[in-house]
Amino acid sequence: MNIKSLFTVLLVLVVGIVGVFADAAPMGSLKQETKAFIVRYASNTPEKVIDAAIENIKSIGGELMHRYTLFKGFSAVAPVDAIYALKAEESPFLQDIEEDQVVTIADQPKLEDTRW
């Protein structure tokens, strides 16, 4: 094997190794846990405050699920860090942030417990 061939083989190996590391995820970019949550604001909250909160959630990788009209607020799915960041803003308009979940008013019978 001559020098030129050896150099070519080494170059291919180096490029291959660099390519593997280039495709790897950067440190700290591992998939974060996401949660669905509801954010509720006071009735006198300016729309621009809610718009800014939604944009912040989106910029961190969250997704707006619903903007409420019955009360001022929205639901979103976002990394848990986004929820903590929203709480840390200490907005005087922010009333509550809670996990979005199914709520029932009474125990629902299981299908096998129901006698038809």
PDB file of N, CA and C in Angstrom:
ATOM      1  N   MET A   1       0.859  -1.173   0.000  1.00  0.00           N
ATOM      2  CA  MET A   1       0.000   0.000   0.000  1.00  0.00           C
ATOM      3  C   MET A   1       0.902   1.231   0.000  1.00  0.00           C
ATOM      4  N   ASN A   2       0.699   2.113  -0.939  1.00  0.00           N
ATOM      5  CA  ASN A   2       1.538   3.294  -1.019  1.00  0.00           C
ATOM      6  C   ASN A   2       0.993   4.409  -0.126  1.00  0.00           C
ATOM      7  N   ILE A   3       1.727   5.487   0.006  1.00  0.00           N
ATOM      8  CA  ILE A   3       1.384   6.616   0.876  1.00  0.00           C
ATOM      9  C   ILE A   3       0.066   7.256   0.453  1.00  0.00           C
ATOM     10  N   LYS A   4      -0.140   7.396  -0.843  1.00  0.00           N
ATOM     11  CA  LYS A   4      -1.363   8.032  -1.343  1.00  0.00           C
ATOM     12  C   LYS A   4      -2.590   7.212  -0.953  1.00  0.00           C
ATOM     13  N   SER A   5      -2.509   5.902  -1.073  1.00  0.00           N
ATOM     14  CA  SER A   5      -3.625   5.031  -0.706  1.00  0.00           C
ATOM     15  C   SER A   5      -3.874   5.073   0.798  1.00  0.00           C
ATOM     16  N   LEU A   6      -2.814   5.055   1.571  1.00  0.00           N
ATOM     17  CA  LEU A   6      -2.929   5.121   3.021  1.00  0.00           C
ATOM     18  C   LEU A   6      -3.561   6.442   3.441  1.00  0.00           C
ATOM     19  N   PHE A   7      -3.122   7.524   2.820  1.00  0.00           N
ATOM     20  CA  PHE A   7      -3.694   8.845   3.119  1.00  0.00           C
ATOM     21  C   PHE A   7      -5.184   8.877   2.784  1.00  0.00           C
ATOM     22  N   THR A   8      -5.571   8.296   1.656  1.00  0.00           N
ATOM     23  CA  THR A   8      -6.976   8.251   1.244  1.00  0.00           C
ATOM     24  C   THR A   8      -7.817   7.479   2.253  1.00  0.00           C
ATOM     25  N   VAL A   9      -7.321   6.346   2.708  1.00  0.00           N
ATOM     26  CA  VAL A   9      -8.038   5.525   3.694  1.00  0.00           C
ATOM     27  C   VAL A   9      -8.200   6.300   4.995  1.00  0.00           C
ATOM     28  N   LEU A  10      -7.134   6.957   5.462  1.00  0.00           N
ATOM     29  CA  LEU A  10      -7.214   7.740   6.696  1.00  0.00           C
ATOM     30  C   LEU A  10      -8.196   8.898   6.549  1.00  0.00           C
ATOM     31  N   LEU A  11      -8.180   9.550   5.410  1.00  0.00           N
ATOM     32  CA  LEU A  11      -9.093  10.658   5.165  1.00  0.00           C
ATOM     33  C   LEU A  11     -10.546  10.192   5.204  1.00  0.00           C
ATOM     34  N   VAL A  12     -10.826   9.066   4.595  1.00  0.00           N
ATOM     35  CA  VAL A  12     -12.192   8.503   4.605  1.00  0.00           C
ATOM     36  C   VAL A  12     -12.612   8.171   6.034  1.00  0.00           C
ATOM     37  N   LEU A  13     -11.715   7.600   6.811  1.00  0.00           N
ATOM     38  CA  LEU A  13     -12.025   7.270   8.214  1.00  0.00           C
ATOM     39  C   LEU A  13     -12.308   8.533   9.029  1.00  0.00           C
ATOM     40  N   VAL A  14     -11.471   9.543   8.876  1.00  0.00           N
ATOM     41  CA  VAL A  14     -11.656  10.791   9.624  1.00  0.00           C
ATOM     42  C   VAL A  14     -12.977  11.449   9.238  1.00  0.00           C
ATOM     43  N   VAL A  15     -13.263  11.521   7.950  1.00  0.00           N
ATOM     44  CA  VAL A  15     -14.519  12.122   7.498  1.00  0.00           C
ATOM     45  C   VAL A  15     -15.711  11.327   8.032  1.00  0.00           C
ATOM     46  N   GLY A  16     -15.601  10.020   8.029  1.00  0.00           N
ATOM     47  CA  GLY A  16     -16.675   9.179   8.558  1.00  0.00           C
ATOM     48  C   GLY A  16     -16.903   9.402  10.035  1.00  0.00           C
ATOM     49  N   ILE A  17     -15.826   9.498  10.808  1.00  0.00           N
ATOM     50  CA  ILE A  17     -15.947   9.724  12.252  1.00  0.00           C
ATOM     51  C   ILE A  17     -16.523  11.108  12.528  1.00  0.00           C
ATOM     52  N   VAL A  18     -16.053  12.116  11.833  1.00  0.00           N
ATOM     53  CA  VAL A  18     -16.577  13.469  12.009  1.00  0.00           C
ATOM     54  C   VAL A  18     -18.055  13.504  11.641  1.00  0.00           C
ATOM     55  N   GLY A  19     -18.436  12.793  10.597  1.00  0.00           N
ATOM     56  CA  GLY A  19     -19.840  12.745  10.185  1.00  0.00           C
ATOM     57  C   GLY A  19     -20.730  12.122  11.242  1.00  0.00           C
ATOM     58  N   VAL A  20     -20.244  11.086  11.897  1.00  0.00           N
ATOM     59  CA  VAL A  20     -21.026  10.440  12.960  1.00  0.00           C
ATOM     60  C   VAL A  20     -21.268  11.414  14.095  1.00  0.00           C
ATOM     61  N   PHE A  21     -20.218  12.138  14.509  1.00  0.00           N
ATOM     62  CA  PHE A  21     -20.386  13.088  15.607  1.00  0.00           C
ATOM     63  C   PHE A  21     -21.197  14.304  15.190  1.00  0.00           C
ATOM     64  N   ALA A  22     -21.144  14.687  13.951  1.00  0.00           N
ATOM     65  CA  ALA A  22     -21.928  15.830  13.479  1.00  0.00           C
ATOM     66  C   ALA A  22     -23.420  15.523  13.501  1.00  0.00           C
ATOM     67  N   ASP A  23     -23.782  14.248  13.272  1.00  0.00           N
ATOM     68  CA  ASP A  23     -25.189  13.853  13.296  1.00  0.00           C
ATOM     69  C   ASP A  23     -25.707  13.626  14.705  1.00  0.00           C
ATOM     70  N   ALA A  24     -24.807  13.496  15.667  1.00  0.00           N
ATOM     71  CA  ALA A  24     -25.219  13.248  17.054  1.00  0.00           C
ATOM     72  C   ALA A  24     -25.872  14.500  17.612  1.00  0.00           C
ATOM     73  N   ALA A  25     -26.788  14.301  18.544  1.00  0.00           N
ATOM     74  CA  ALA A  25     -27.468  15.427  19.170  1.00  0.00           C
ATOM     75  C   ALA A  25     -26.494  16.196  20.053  1.00  0.00           C
ATOM     76  N   PRO A  26     -26.539  17.519  20.031  1.00  0.00           N
ATOM     77  CA  PRO A  26     -25.666  18.304  20.890  1.00  0.00           C
ATOM     78  C   PRO A  26     -25.963  18.044  22.359  1.00  0.00           C
ATOM     79  N   MET A  27     -24.989  18.265  23.193  1.00  0.00           N
ATOM     80  CA  MET A  27     -25.176  18.079  24.632  1.00  0.00           C
ATOM     81  C   MET A  27     -26.338  18.947  25.098  1.00  0.00           C
ATOM     82  N   GLY A  28     -27.203  18.414  25.958  1.00  0.00           N
ATOM     83  CA  GLY A  28     -28.309  19.171  26.508  1.00  0.00           C
ATOM     84  C   GLY A  28     -29.522  19.245  25.598  1.00  0.00           C
ATOM     85  N   SER A  29     -29.470  18.627  24.432  1.00  0.00           N
ATOM     86  CA  SER A  29     -30.618  18.719  23.531  1.00  0.00           C
ATOM     87  C   SER A  29     -31.452  17.445  23.556  1.00  0.00           C
ATOM     88  N   LEU A  30     -31.300  16.666  24.591  1.00  0.00           N
ATOM     89  CA  LEU A  30     -32.107  15.460  24.707  1.00  0.00           C
ATOM     90  C   LEU A  30     -33.565  15.844  24.818  1.00  0.00           C
ATOM     91  N   LYS A  31     -34.434  14.992  24.342  1.00  0.00           N
ATOM     92  CA  LYS A  31     -35.873  15.251  24.348  1.00  0.00           C
ATOM     93  C   LYS A  31     -36.349  15.467  25.784  1.00  0.00           C
ATOM     94  N   GLN A  32     -36.953  16.618  26.031  1.00  0.00           N
ATOM     95  CA  GLN A  32     -37.441  16.934  27.366  1.00  0.00           C
ATOM     96  C   GLN A  32     -38.841  16.377  27.552  1.00  0.00           C
ATOM     97  N   GLU A  33     -39.173  16.108  28.798  1.00  0.00           N
ATOM     98  CA  GLU A  33     -40.519  15.651  29.125  1.00  0.00           C
ATOM     99  C   GLU A  33     -41.497  16.792  28.851  1.00  0.00           C
ATOM    100  N   THR A  34     -42.605  16.479  28.201  1.00  0.00           N
ATOM    101  CA  THR A  34     -43.625  17.481  27.935  1.00  0.00           C
ATOM    102  C   THR A  34     -44.873  17.159  28.746  1.00  0.00           C
ATOM    103  N   LYS A  35     -45.645  18.191  29.009  1.00  0.00           N
ATOM    104  CA  LYS A  35     -46.904  18.044  29.733  1.00  0.00           C
ATOM    105  C   LYS A  35     -47.938  18.956  29.099  1.00  0.00           C
ATOM    106  N   ALA A  36     -49.184  18.556  29.236  1.00  0.00           N
ATOM    107  CA  ALA A  36     -50.297  19.403  28.814  1.00  0.00           C
ATOM    108  C   ALA A  36     -50.718  20.217  30.032  1.00  0.00           C
ATOM    109  N   PHE A  37     -50.936  21.511  29.840  1.00  0.00           N
ATOM    110  CA  PHE A  37     -51.326  22.351  30.963  1.00  0.00           C
ATOM    111  C   PHE A  37     -52.259  23.457  30.513  1.00  0.00           C
ATOM    112  N   ILE A  38     -52.964  24.029  31.485  1.00  0.00           N
ATOM    113  CA  ILE A  38     -53.901  25.128  31.257  1.00  0.00           C
ATOM    114  C   ILE A  38     -53.393  26.338  32.028  1.00  0.00           C
ATOM    115  N   VAL A  39     -53.365  27.483  31.355  1.00  0.00           N
ATOM    116  CA  VAL A  39     -52.929  28.730  31.979  1.00  0.00           C
ATOM    117  C   VAL A  39     -54.141  29.657  32.024  1.00  0.00           C
ATOM    118  N   ARG A  40     -54.422  30.183  33.220  1.00  0.00           N
ATOM    119  CA  ARG A  40     -55.585  31.063  33.389  1.00  0.00           C
ATOM    120  C   ARG A  40     -55.108  32.436  33.879  1.00  0.00           C
ATOM    121  N   TYR A  41     -55.661  33.482  33.257  1.00  0.00           N
ATOM    122  CA  TYR A  41     -55.311  34.860  33.592  1.00  0.00           C
ATOM    123  C   TYR A  41     -56.519  35.598  34.157  1.00  0.00           C
ATOM    124  N   ALA A  42     -56.268  36.705  34.836  1.00  0.00           N
ATOM    125  CA  ALA A  42     -57.332  37.557  35.367  1.00  0.00           C
ATOM    126  C   ALA A  42     -58.135  38.150  34.212  1.00  0.00           C
ATOM    127  N   SER A  43     -59.378  38.497  34.496  1.00  0.00           N
ATOM    128  CA  SER A  43     -60.265  38.996  33.444  1.00  0.00           C
ATOM    129  C   SER A  43     -59.814  40.335  32.866  1.00  0.00           C
ATOM    130  N   ASN A  44     -58.995  41.099  33.590  1.00  0.00           N
ATOM    131  CA  ASN A  44     -58.521  42.401  33.097  1.00  0.00           C
ATOM    132  C   ASN A  44     -57.159  42.312  32.398  1.00  0.00           C
ATOM    133  N   THR A  45     -56.729  41.098  32.073  1.00  0.00           N
ATOM    134  CA  THR A  45     -55.431  40.901  31.422  1.00  0.00           C
ATOM    135  C   THR A  45     -55.462  41.413  29.991  1.00  0.00           C
ATOM    136  N   PRO A  46     -54.519  42.268  29.610  1.00  0.00           N
ATOM    137  CA  PRO A  46     -54.449  42.709  28.205  1.00  0.00           C
ATOM    138  C   PRO A  46     -54.114  41.516  27.301  1.00  0.00           C
ATOM    139  N   GLU A  47     -54.694  41.501  26.122  1.00  0.00           N
ATOM    140  CA  GLU A  47     -54.465  40.396  25.175  1.00  0.00           C
ATOM    141  C   GLU A  47     -52.988  40.248  24.824  1.00  0.00           C
ATOM    142  N   LYS A  48     -52.252  41.368  24.809  1.00  0.00           N
ATOM    143  CA  LYS A  48     -50.836  41.296  24.454  1.00  0.00           C
ATOM    144  C   LYS A  48     -50.033  40.494  25.481  1.00  0.00           C
ATOM    145  N   VAL A  49     -50.475  40.454  26.726  1.00  0.00           N
ATOM    146  CA  VAL A  49     -49.799  39.653  27.754  1.00  0.00           C
ATOM    147  C   VAL A  49     -49.974  38.168  27.444  1.00  0.00           C
ATOM    148  N   ILE A  50     -51.184  37.775  27.081  1.00  0.00           N
ATOM    149  CA  ILE A  50     -51.459  36.376  26.747  1.00  0.00           C
ATOM    150  C   ILE A  50     -50.751  35.997  25.444  1.00  0.00           C
ATOM    151  N   ASP A  51     -50.790  36.902  24.460  1.00  0.00           N
ATOM    152  CA  ASP A  51     -50.086  36.651  23.194  1.00  0.00           C
ATOM    153  C   ASP A  51     -48.597  36.413  23.434  1.00  0.00           C
ATOM    154  N   ALA A  52     -47.989  37.214  24.295  1.00  0.00           N
ATOM    155  CA  ALA A  52     -46.557  37.084  24.590  1.00  0.00           C
ATOM    156  C   ALA A  52     -46.266  35.750  25.279  1.00  0.00           C
ATOM    157  N   ALA A  53     -47.138  35.338  26.189  1.00  0.00           N
ATOM    158  CA  ALA A  53     -46.941  34.053  26.878  1.00  0.00           C
ATOM    159  C   ALA A  53     -47.031  32.892  25.893  1.00  0.00           C
ATOM    160  N   ILE A  54     -47.983  32.967  24.978  1.00  0.00           N
ATOM    161  CA  ILE A  54     -48.132  31.912  23.967  1.00  0.00           C
ATOM    162  C   ILE A  54     -46.895  31.866  23.072  1.00  0.00           C
ATOM    163  N   GLU A  55     -46.395  33.020  22.661  1.00  0.00           N
ATOM    164  CA  GLU A  55     -45.193  33.058  21.821  1.00  0.00           C
ATOM    165  C   GLU A  55     -43.987  32.495  22.567  1.00  0.00           C
ATOM    166  N   ASN A  56     -43.895  32.782  23.873  1.00  0.00           N
ATOM    167  CA  ASN A  56     -42.795  32.221  24.673  1.00  0.00           C
ATOM    168  C   ASN A  56     -42.876  30.704  24.724  1.00  0.00           C
ATOM    169  N   ILE A  57     -44.075  30.182  24.904  1.00  0.00           N
ATOM    170  CA  ILE A  57     -44.275  28.730  24.948  1.00  0.00           C
ATOM    171  C   ILE A  57     -43.855  28.119  23.607  1.00  0.00           C
ATOM    172  N   LYS A  58     -44.290  28.733  22.514  1.00  0.00           N
ATOM    173  CA  LYS A  58     -43.934  28.227  21.180  1.00  0.00           C
ATOM    174  C   LYS A  58     -42.428  28.285  20.937  1.00  0.00           C
ATOM    175  N   SER A  59     -41.774  29.352  21.416  1.00  0.00           N
ATOM    176  CA  SER A  59     -40.334  29.504  21.183  1.00  0.00           C
ATOM    177  C   SER A  59     -39.511  28.461  21.932  1.00  0.00           C
ATOM    178  N   ILE A  60     -40.075  27.886  22.975  1.00  0.00           N
ATOM    179  CA  ILE A  60     -39.374  26.855  23.748  1.00  0.00           C
ATOM    180  C   ILE A  60     -39.720  25.462  23.221  1.00  0.00           C
ATOM    181  N   GLY A  61     -40.532  25.404  22.186  1.00  0.00           N
ATOM    182  CA  GLY A  61     -40.874  24.110  21.604  1.00  0.00           C
ATOM    183  C   GLY A  61     -42.255  23.616  21.967  1.00  0.00           C
ATOM    184  N   GLY A  62     -43.065  24.479  22.573  1.00  0.00           N
ATOM    185  CA  GLY A  62     -44.423  24.092  22.948  1.00  0.00           C
ATOM    186  C   GLY A  62     -45.405  24.273  21.811  1.00  0.00           C
ATOM    187  N   GLU A  63     -46.599  23.765  22.021  1.00  0.00           N
ATOM    188  CA  GLU A  63     -47.648  23.860  21.003  1.00  0.00           C
ATOM    189  C   GLU A  63     -48.939  24.320  21.666  1.00  0.00           C
ATOM    190  N   LEU A  64     -49.533  25.372  21.125  1.00  0.00           N
ATOM    191  CA  LEU A  64     -50.817  25.868  21.611  1.00  0.00           C
ATOM    192  C   LEU A  64     -51.889  24.858  21.233  1.00  0.00           C
ATOM    193  N   MET A  65     -52.686  24.438  22.201  1.00  0.00           N
ATOM    194  CA  MET A  65     -53.754  23.489  21.932  1.00  0.00           C
ATOM    195  C   MET A  65     -55.102  24.201  21.791  1.00  0.00           C
ATOM    196  N   HIS A  66     -55.348  25.205  22.658  1.00  0.00           N
ATOM    197  CA  HIS A  66     -56.630  25.906  22.626  1.00  0.00           C
ATOM    198  C   HIS A  66     -56.482  27.256  23.321  1.00  0.00           C
ATOM    199  N   ARG A  67     -57.122  28.263  22.756  1.00  0.00           N
ATOM    200  CA  ARG A  67     -57.198  29.568  23.423  1.00  0.00           C
ATOM    201  C   ARG A  67     -58.639  29.729  23.873  1.00  0.00           C
ATOM    202  N   TYR A  68     -58.823  29.927  25.160  1.00  0.00           N
ATOM    203  CA  TYR A  68     -60.169  29.957  25.732  1.00  0.00           C
ATOM    204  C   TYR A  68     -60.821  31.316  25.573  1.00  0.00           C
ATOM    205  N   THR A  69     -62.154  31.297  25.434  1.00  0.00           N
ATOM    206  CA  THR A  69     -62.935  32.530  25.362  1.00  0.00           C
ATOM    207  C   THR A  69     -63.837  32.686  26.582  1.00  0.00           C
ATOM    208  N   LEU A  70     -64.166  31.585  27.235  1.00  0.00           N
ATOM    209  CA  LEU A  70     -64.991  31.641  28.438  1.00  0.00           C
ATOM    210  C   LEU A  70     -64.239  32.341  29.570  1.00  0.00           C
ATOM    211  N   PHE A  71     -62.953  32.131  29.618  1.00  0.00           N
ATOM    212  CA  PHE A  71     -62.070  32.846  30.542  1.00  0.00           C
ATOM    213  C   PHE A  71     -60.799  33.182  29.768  1.00  0.00           C
ATOM    214  N   LYS A  72     -60.006  34.077  30.287  1.00  0.00           N
ATOM    215  CA  LYS A  72     -58.766  34.446  29.609  1.00  0.00           C
ATOM    216  C   LYS A  72     -57.693  33.416  29.925  1.00  0.00           C
ATOM    217  N   GLY A  73     -57.253  32.740  28.890  1.00  0.00           N
ATOM    218  CA  GLY A  73     -56.227  31.743  29.087  1.00  0.00           C
ATOM    219  C   GLY A  73     -56.077  30.849  27.879  1.00  0.00           C
ATOM    220  N   PHE A  74     -55.257  29.808  28.048  1.00  0.00           N
ATOM    221  CA  PHE A  74     -54.995  28.887  26.946  1.00  0.00           C
ATOM    222  C   PHE A  74     -54.517  27.564  27.505  1.00  0.00           C
ATOM    223  N   SER A  75     -54.549  26.540  26.645  1.00  0.00           N
ATOM    224  CA  SER A  75     -53.946  25.254  26.996  1.00  0.00           C
ATOM    225  C   SER A  75     -52.839  24.995  25.982  1.00  0.00           C
ATOM    226  N   ALA A  76     -51.817  24.291  26.444  1.00  0.00           N
ATOM    227  CA  ALA A  76     -50.670  24.016  25.595  1.00  0.00           C
ATOM    228  C   ALA A  76     -50.009  22.721  26.026  1.00  0.00           C
ATOM    229  N   VAL A  77     -49.210  22.179  25.136  1.00  0.00           N
ATOM    230  CA  VAL A  77     -48.330  21.059  25.446  1.00  0.00           C
ATOM    231  C   VAL A  77     -46.928  21.591  25.241  1.00  0.00           C
ATOM    232  N   ALA A  78     -46.100  21.482  26.277  1.00  0.00           N
ATOM    233  CA  ALA A  78     -44.764  22.062  26.199  1.00  0.00           C
ATOM    234  C   ALA A  78     -43.817  21.345  27.145  1.00  0.00           C
ATOM    235  N   PRO A  79     -42.519  21.543  26.947  1.00  0.00           N
ATOM    236  CA  PRO A  79     -41.559  20.987  27.892  1.00  0.00           C
ATOM    237  C   PRO A  79     -41.830  21.535  29.297  1.00  0.00           C
ATOM    238  N   VAL A  80     -41.563  20.714  30.286  1.00  0.00           N
ATOM    239  CA  VAL A  80     -41.816  21.101  31.679  1.00  0.00           C
ATOM    240  C   VAL A  80     -41.080  22.401  32.012  1.00  0.00           C
ATOM    241  N   ASP A  81     -39.899  22.610  31.445  1.00  0.00           N
ATOM    242  CA  ASP A  81     -39.138  23.841  31.696  1.00  0.00           C
ATOM    243  C   ASP A  81     -39.919  25.085  31.285  1.00  0.00           C
ATOM    244  N   ALA A  82     -40.736  24.969  30.246  1.00  0.00           N
ATOM    245  CA  ALA A  82     -41.530  26.111  29.793  1.00  0.00           C
ATOM    246  C   ALA A  82     -42.576  26.489  30.840  1.00  0.00           C
ATOM    247  N   ILE A  83     -43.113  25.494  31.514  1.00  0.00           N
ATOM    248  CA  ILE A  83     -44.109  25.754  32.556  1.00  0.00           C
ATOM    249  C   ILE A  83     -43.445  26.496  33.710  1.00  0.00           C
ATOM    250  N   TYR A  84     -42.265  26.025  34.114  1.00  0.00           N
ATOM    251  CA  TYR A  84     -41.540  26.696  35.196  1.00  0.00           C
ATOM    252  C   TYR A  84     -41.162  28.125  34.807  1.00  0.00           C
ATOM    253  N   ALA A  85     -40.786  28.326  33.554  1.00  0.00           N
ATOM    254  CA  ALA A  85     -40.424  29.666  33.085  1.00  0.00           C
ATOM    255  C   ALA A  85     -41.635  30.596  33.132  1.00  0.00           C
ATOM    256  N   LEU A  86     -42.788  30.074  32.771  1.00  0.00           N
ATOM    257  CA  LEU A  86     -44.010  30.880  32.801  1.00  0.00           C
ATOM    258  C   LEU A  86     -44.358  31.262  34.245  1.00  0.00           C
ATOM    259  N   LYS A  87     -44.226  30.314  35.166  1.00  0.00           N
ATOM    260  CA  LYS A  87     -44.485  30.599  36.584  1.00  0.00           C
ATOM    261  C   LYS A  87     -43.495  31.621  37.130  1.00  0.00           C
ATOM    262  N   ALA A  88     -42.255  31.564  36.674  1.00  0.00           N
ATOM    263  CA  ALA A  88     -41.205  32.446  37.184  1.00  0.00           C
ATOM    264  C   ALA A  88     -41.393  33.896  36.748  1.00  0.00           C
ATOM    265  N   GLU A  89     -42.173  34.136  35.704  1.00  0.00           N
ATOM    266  CA  GLU A  89     -42.384  35.506  35.234  1.00  0.00           C
ATOM    267  C   GLU A  89     -43.099  36.366  36.265  1.00  0.00           C
ATOM    268  N   GLU A  90     -43.850  35.760  37.150  1.00  0.00           N
ATOM    269  CA  GLU A  90     -44.573  36.463  38.211  1.00  0.00           C
ATOM    270  C   GLU A  90     -45.424  37.608  37.675  1.00  0.00           C
ATOM    271  N   SER A  91     -46.165  37.331  36.628  1.00  0.00           N
ATOM    272  CA  SER A  91     -47.068  38.321  36.056  1.00  0.00           C
ATOM    273  C   SER A  91     -48.185  38.603  37.054  1.00  0.00           C
ATOM    274  N   PRO A  92     -48.547  39.873  37.246  1.00  0.00           N
ATOM    275  CA  PRO A  92     -49.647  40.178  38.170  1.00  0.00           C
ATOM    276  C   PRO A  92     -50.993  39.676  37.638  1.00  0.00           C
ATOM    277  N   PHE A  93     -51.048  39.329  36.355  1.00  0.00           N
ATOM    278  CA  PHE A  93     -52.291  38.859  35.751  1.00  0.00           C
ATOM    279  C   PHE A  93     -52.456  37.342  35.831  1.00  0.00           C
ATOM    280  N   LEU A  94     -51.359  36.627  36.002  1.00  0.00           N
ATOM    281  CA  LEU A  94     -51.395  35.163  36.007  1.00  0.00           C
ATOM    282  C   LEU A  94     -52.121  34.667  37.251  1.00  0.00           C
ATOM    283  N   GLN A  95     -53.186  33.876  37.051  1.00  0.00           N
ATOM    284  CA  GLN A  95     -53.943  33.356  38.180  1.00  0.00           C
ATOM    285  C   GLN A  95     -53.585  31.919  38.512  1.00  0.00           C
ATOM    286  N   ASP A  96     -53.423  31.091  37.479  1.00  0.00           N
ATOM    287  CA  ASP A  96     -53.234  29.674  37.765  1.00  0.00           C
ATOM    288  C   ASP A  96     -52.610  28.959  36.578  1.00  0.00           C
ATOM    289  N   ILE A  97     -51.776  27.981  36.884  1.00  0.00           N
ATOM    290  CA  ILE A  97     -51.266  27.053  35.882  1.00  0.00           C
ATOM    291  C   ILE A  97     -51.491  25.665  36.456  1.00  0.00           C
ATOM    292  N   GLU A  98     -52.227  24.854  35.716  1.00  0.00           N
ATOM    293  CA  GLU A  98     -52.495  23.496  36.204  1.00  0.00           C
ATOM    294  C   GLU A  98     -52.347  22.488  35.081  1.00  0.00           C
ATOM    295  N   GLU A  99     -52.051  21.268  35.469  1.00  0.00           N
ATOM    296  CA  GLU A  99     -51.924  20.211  34.473  1.00  0.00           C
ATOM    297  C   GLU A  99     -53.287  19.940  33.858  1.00  0.00           C
ATOM    298  N   ASP A 100     -53.319  19.814  32.551  1.00  0.00           N
ATOM    299  CA  ASP A 100     -54.552  19.519  31.828  1.00  0.00           C
ATOM    300  C   ASP A 100     -54.824  18.029  31.993  1.00  0.00           C
ATOM    301  N   GLN A 101     -56.002  17.708  32.483  1.00  0.00           N
ATOM    302  CA  GLN A 101     -56.340  16.309  32.717  1.00  0.00           C
ATOM    303  C   GLN A 101     -57.842  16.112  32.643  1.00  0.00           C
ATOM    304  N   VAL A 102     -58.255  14.879  32.535  1.00  0.00           N
ATOM    305  CA  VAL A 102     -59.671  14.551  32.487  1.00  0.00           C
ATOM    306  C   VAL A 102     -60.242  14.655  33.891  1.00  0.00           C
ATOM    307  N   VAL A 103     -61.365  15.337  34.007  1.00  0.00           N
ATOM    308  CA  VAL A 103     -62.031  15.505  35.296  1.00  0.00           C
ATOM    309  C   VAL A 103     -63.450  14.973  35.169  1.00  0.00           C
ATOM    310  N   THR A 104     -63.883  14.201  36.151  1.00  0.00           N
ATOM    311  CA  THR A 104     -65.262  13.704  36.162  1.00  0.00           C
ATOM    312  C   THR A 104     -65.927  14.145  37.452  1.00  0.00           C
ATOM    313  N   ILE A 105     -67.264  14.187  37.443  1.00  0.00           N
ATOM    314  CA  ILE A 105     -67.977  14.600  38.647  1.00  0.00           C
ATOM    315  C   ILE A 105     -68.396  13.407  39.494  1.00  0.00           C
ATOM    316  N   ALA A 106     -68.320  12.224  38.932  1.00  0.00           N
ATOM    317  CA  ALA A 106     -68.679  11.028  39.684  1.00  0.00           C
ATOM    318  C   ALA A 106     -67.918   9.849  39.100  1.00  0.00           C
ATOM    319  N   ASP A 107     -67.807   8.808  39.894  1.00  0.00           N
ATOM    320  CA  ASP A 107     -67.164   7.606  39.379  1.00  0.00           C
ATOM    321  C   ASP A 107     -67.990   7.053  38.229  1.00  0.00           C
ATOM    322  N   GLN A 108     -67.312   6.711  37.173  1.00  0.00           N
ATOM    323  CA  GLN A 108     -67.970   6.116  36.023  1.00  0.00           C
ATOM    324  C   GLN A 108     -67.911   4.603  36.168  1.00  0.00           C
ATOM    325  N   PRO A 109     -69.049   3.911  35.990  1.00  0.00           N
ATOM    326  CA  PRO A 109     -68.997   2.450  36.103  1.00  0.00           C
ATOM    327  C   PRO A 109     -68.173   1.855  34.967  1.00  0.00           C
ATOM    328  N   LYS A 110     -67.455   0.826  35.290  1.00  0.00           N
ATOM    329  CA  LYS A 110     -66.706   0.119  34.259  1.00  0.00           C
ATOM    330  C   LYS A 110     -67.673  -0.726  33.463  1.00  0.00           C
ATOM    331  N   LEU A 111     -67.350  -0.948  32.228  1.00  0.00           N
ATOM    332  CA  LEU A 111     -68.222  -1.691  31.343  1.00  0.00           C
ATOM    333  C   LEU A 111     -68.589  -3.053  31.917  1.00  0.00           C
ATOM    334  N   GLU A 112     -67.591  -3.721  32.508  1.00  0.00           N
ATOM    335  CA  GLU A 112     -67.877  -5.060  33.050  1.00  0.00           C
ATOM    336  C   GLU A 112     -68.739  -4.998  34.308  1.00  0.00           C
ATOM    337  N   ASP A 113     -68.849  -3.811  34.956  1.00  0.00           N
ATOM    338  CA  ASP A 113     -69.693  -3.684  36.142  1.00  0.00           C
ATOM    339  C   ASP A 113     -71.150  -3.391  35.791  1.00  0.00           C
ATOM    340  N   THR A 114     -71.396  -3.021  34.554  1.00  0.00           N
ATOM    341  CA  THR A 114     -72.745  -2.654  34.144  1.00  0.00           C
ATOM    342  C   THR A 114     -73.497  -3.911  33.691  1.00  0.00           C
ATOM    343  N   ARG A 115     -74.684  -4.057  34.218  1.00  0.00           N
ATOM    344  CA  ARG A 115     -75.508  -5.209  33.823  1.00  0.00           C
ATOM    345  C   ARG A 115     -76.629  -4.707  32.919  1.00  0.00           C
ATOM    346  N   TRP A 116     -76.612  -5.188  31.721  1.00  0.00           N
ATOM    347  CA  TRP A 116     -77.596  -4.756  30.753  1.00  0.00           C
ATOM    348  C   TRP A 116     -78.757  -5.652  30.800  1.00  0.00           C
TER     349      TRP A 116
END
